[in-house]
Every structure is written in C-alpha cells, then in structure tokens.
Amino acid sequence: MAAILDFAAGVTARSASVGRTMVGGPTAAQDMAGQSRAPGILSSLKRLLAAYFAWRIEREVIAQLAAMSDRELKDIGLTRSQIPGAVRSGGGSNSAFNRSA
C-alpha cells in the first residue's frame, strides 16, 4: 500500500511539470482556468485507494478471525459476535488488543 501511495505522490510531483511549456511558463489553458485540476484529482484518487486498501485489509482480518476456533477466540478475549466491531474499531477498549507483549 505504501508503494502505491509513493507512486501516486510521484505522479503528483510529475503532474506539476506536465502543464508547463518548453520555456517553463504556464499553458494558455492553465492561464484561463487559473490552476490545474490534476493535484485535486490525484489527491482524491490517493484517498480512494487508501480507503479501498484499508477496507480490503479489514475484510481479510475479519475472515482470518472468523476462521479461528471458539477456543482460540476466547484465548484472545473475543467472541464471534465481537469480531467485526473489534476489527473496525481497531481494538478500542477491548483488552485483547490493548495487552502488552
């Protein structure tokens, strides 16, 4: 995920130079529009990708916890009904996620 965000950041940096003429001034279209929309679109795309990957990770963690036996879940302080809430809240006040190693 970090690699994709780094890639998107690199695209953002390069997009700033795309709208320039050979002599380094803004293009006529940018003069008329005031500024390019590319940085706004790319930041929206980065947020969308980050949300998508966070959702995929969340779904994978829920699936892995759901595959555990009731005894294994009890060992970490969870019941099956608590799995989605524990994953979505990042553990919250659940003592199983707040223990020190």
C-alpha atoms as a PDB file:
ATOM      1  CA  MET A   1       0.000   0.000   0.000  1.00  0.00           C
ATOM      2  CA  ALA A   2       2.849   2.360   0.812  1.00  0.00           C
ATOM      3  CA  ALA A   3       4.342   1.668  -2.607  1.00  0.00           C
ATOM      4  CA  ILE A   4       1.101   2.721  -4.300  1.00  0.00           C
ATOM      5  CA  LEU A   5       0.881   5.899  -2.229  1.00  0.00           C
ATOM      6  CA  ASP A   6       4.541   6.657  -3.019  1.00  0.00           C
ATOM      7  CA  PHE A   7       3.796   6.093  -6.697  1.00  0.00           C
ATOM      8  CA  ALA A   8       0.780   8.411  -6.511  1.00  0.00           C
ATOM      9  CA  ALA A   9       2.920  11.058  -4.777  1.00  0.00           C
ATOM     10  CA  GLY A  10       5.482  10.767  -7.576  1.00  0.00           C
ATOM     11  CA  VAL A  11       2.731  11.154 -10.162  1.00  0.00           C
ATOM     12  CA  THR A  12       1.538  14.269  -8.329  1.00  0.00           C
ATOM     13  CA  ALA A  13       5.031  15.769  -8.433  1.00  0.00           C
ATOM     14  CA  ARG A  14       5.433  14.986 -12.127  1.00  0.00           C
ATOM     15  CA  SER A  15       1.959  16.309 -12.972  1.00  0.00           C
ATOM     16  CA  ALA A  16       3.023  19.764 -11.816  1.00  0.00           C
ATOM     17  CA  SER A  17       5.555  19.889 -14.638  1.00  0.00           C
ATOM     18  CA  VAL A  18       3.251  18.431 -17.325  1.00  0.00           C
ATOM     19  CA  GLY A  19       1.271  21.641 -17.769  1.00  0.00           C
ATOM     20  CA  ARG A  20       4.355  23.740 -18.497  1.00  0.00           C
ATOM     21  CA  THR A  21       5.578  24.899 -21.909  1.00  0.00           C
ATOM     22  CA  MET A  22       9.134  24.380 -23.131  1.00  0.00           C
ATOM     23  CA  VAL A  23      10.179  27.707 -21.611  1.00  0.00           C
ATOM     24  CA  GLY A  24       8.678  26.899 -18.220  1.00  0.00           C
ATOM     25  CA  GLY A  25       5.600  29.148 -18.253  1.00  0.00           C
ATOM     26  CA  PRO A  26       2.006  28.034 -17.728  1.00  0.00           C
ATOM     27  CA  THR A  27      -0.005  26.906 -20.738  1.00  0.00           C
ATOM     28  CA  ALA A  28      -2.827  29.022 -22.131  1.00  0.00           C
ATOM     29  CA  ALA A  29      -5.392  26.584 -20.748  1.00  0.00           C
ATOM     30  CA  GLN A  30      -3.961  26.956 -17.258  1.00  0.00           C
ATOM     31  CA  ASP A  31      -3.957  30.730 -17.594  1.00  0.00           C
ATOM     32  CA  MET A  32      -7.666  30.609 -18.419  1.00  0.00           C
ATOM     33  CA  ALA A  33      -8.549  28.074 -15.718  1.00  0.00           C
ATOM     34  CA  GLY A  34      -6.355  29.652 -13.086  1.00  0.00           C
ATOM     35  CA  GLN A  35      -4.846  26.355 -11.977  1.00  0.00           C
ATOM     36  CA  SER A  36      -4.663  22.735 -12.972  1.00  0.00           C
ATOM     37  CA  ARG A  37      -7.138  20.219 -11.542  1.00  0.00           C
ATOM     38  CA  ALA A  38      -4.607  17.382 -11.589  1.00  0.00           C
ATOM     39  CA  PRO A  39      -3.430  17.744  -7.951  1.00  0.00           C
ATOM     40  CA  GLY A  40      -7.025  17.676  -6.678  1.00  0.00           C
ATOM     41  CA  ILE A  41      -7.880  14.638  -8.766  1.00  0.00           C
ATOM     42  CA  LEU A  42      -4.740  12.819  -7.690  1.00  0.00           C
ATOM     43  CA  SER A  43      -5.300  13.538  -4.009  1.00  0.00           C
ATOM     44  CA  SER A  44      -8.858  12.224  -4.380  1.00  0.00           C
ATOM     45  CA  LEU A  45      -7.505   9.133  -6.096  1.00  0.00           C
ATOM     46  CA  LYS A  46      -4.969   8.617  -3.295  1.00  0.00           C
ATOM     47  CA  ARG A  47      -7.738   8.861  -0.680  1.00  0.00           C
ATOM     48  CA  LEU A  48      -9.893   6.446  -2.657  1.00  0.00           C
ATOM     49  CA  LEU A  49      -7.055   3.931  -2.991  1.00  0.00           C
ATOM     50  CA  ALA A  50      -6.169   4.221   0.698  1.00  0.00           C
ATOM     51  CA  ALA A  51      -9.812   3.640   1.685  1.00  0.00           C
ATOM     52  CA  TYR A  52     -10.073   0.668  -0.672  1.00  0.00           C
ATOM     53  CA  PHE A  53      -6.925  -0.990   0.681  1.00  0.00           C
ATOM     54  CA  ALA A  54      -7.981  -0.326   4.281  1.00  0.00           C
ATOM     55  CA  TRP A  55     -11.335  -1.982   3.522  1.00  0.00           C
ATOM     56  CA  ARG A  56      -9.603  -4.991   1.914  1.00  0.00           C
ATOM     57  CA  ILE A  57      -7.282  -5.402   4.918  1.00  0.00           C
ATOM     58  CA  GLU A  58     -10.244  -5.115   7.286  1.00  0.00           C
ATOM     59  CA  ARG A  59     -12.143  -7.822   5.372  1.00  0.00           C
ATOM     60  CA  GLU A  60      -9.078 -10.103   5.423  1.00  0.00           C
ATOM     61  CA  VAL A  61      -8.598  -9.686   9.170  1.00  0.00           C
ATOM     62  CA  ILE A  62     -12.282 -10.432   9.778  1.00  0.00           C
ATOM     63  CA  ALA A  63     -12.004 -13.554   7.610  1.00  0.00           C
ATOM     64  CA  GLN A  64      -8.899 -14.743   9.473  1.00  0.00           C
ATOM     65  CA  LEU A  65     -10.503 -14.210  12.863  1.00  0.00           C
ATOM     66  CA  ALA A  66     -13.711 -15.912  11.715  1.00  0.00           C
ATOM     67  CA  ALA A  67     -11.651 -18.949  10.670  1.00  0.00           C
ATOM     68  CA  MET A  68     -10.342 -19.351  14.237  1.00  0.00           C
ATOM     69  CA  SER A  69     -11.956 -21.813  16.622  1.00  0.00           C
ATOM     70  CA  ASP A  70     -14.091 -20.611  19.538  1.00  0.00           C
ATOM     71  CA  ARG A  71     -11.307 -21.612  21.920  1.00  0.00           C
ATOM     72  CA  GLU A  72      -8.710 -19.566  20.024  1.00  0.00           C
ATOM     73  CA  LEU A  73     -11.042 -16.574  20.011  1.00  0.00           C
ATOM     74  CA  LYS A  74     -11.624 -16.994  23.746  1.00  0.00           C
ATOM     75  CA  ASP A  75      -7.844 -17.011  24.269  1.00  0.00           C
ATOM     76  CA  ILE A  76      -7.602 -13.540  22.748  1.00  0.00           C
ATOM     77  CA  GLY A  77     -10.713 -12.326  24.539  1.00  0.00           C
ATOM     78  CA  LEU A  78     -13.207 -12.283  21.665  1.00  0.00           C
ATOM     79  CA  THR A  79     -16.451 -13.973  20.781  1.00  0.00           C
ATOM     80  CA  ARG A  80     -17.641 -14.447  17.202  1.00  0.00           C
ATOM     81  CA  SER A  81     -20.153 -11.616  17.539  1.00  0.00           C
ATOM     82  CA  GLN A  82     -17.381  -9.202  18.583  1.00  0.00           C
ATOM     83  CA  ILE A  83     -15.120  -9.813  15.558  1.00  0.00           C
ATOM     84  CA  PRO A  84     -16.454  -7.115  13.170  1.00  0.00           C
ATOM     85  CA  GLY A  85     -16.649  -4.464  15.897  1.00  0.00           C
ATOM     86  CA  ALA A  86     -13.189  -5.261  17.223  1.00  0.00           C
ATOM     87  CA  VAL A  87     -11.642  -5.010  13.754  1.00  0.00           C
ATOM     88  CA  ARG A  88     -13.480  -1.847  12.741  1.00  0.00           C
ATOM     89  CA  SER A  89     -12.714  -0.043  15.982  1.00  0.00           C
ATOM     90  CA  GLY A  90      -9.076  -1.060  15.887  1.00  0.00           C
ATOM     91  CA  GLY A  91      -9.495  -2.845  19.181  1.00  0.00           C
ATOM     92  CA  GLY A  92     -10.859   0.144  21.092  1.00  0.00           C
ATOM     93  CA  SER A  93     -11.311  -0.680  24.749  1.00  0.00           C
ATOM     94  CA  ASN A  94     -11.141  -4.429  24.103  1.00  0.00           C
ATOM     95  CA  SER A  95      -8.488  -5.716  26.471  1.00  0.00           C
ATOM     96  CA  ALA A  96      -7.326  -8.358  23.979  1.00  0.00           C
ATOM     97  CA  PHE A  97      -5.909  -5.654  21.729  1.00  0.00           C
ATOM     98  CA  ASN A  98      -4.515  -3.477  24.500  1.00  0.00           C
ATOM     99  CA  ARG A  99      -2.312  -6.034  26.274  1.00  0.00           C
ATOM    100  CA  SER A 100       1.428  -5.515  26.355  1.00  0.00           C
ATOM    101  CA  ALA A 101       3.557  -8.314  24.963  1.00  0.00           C
END
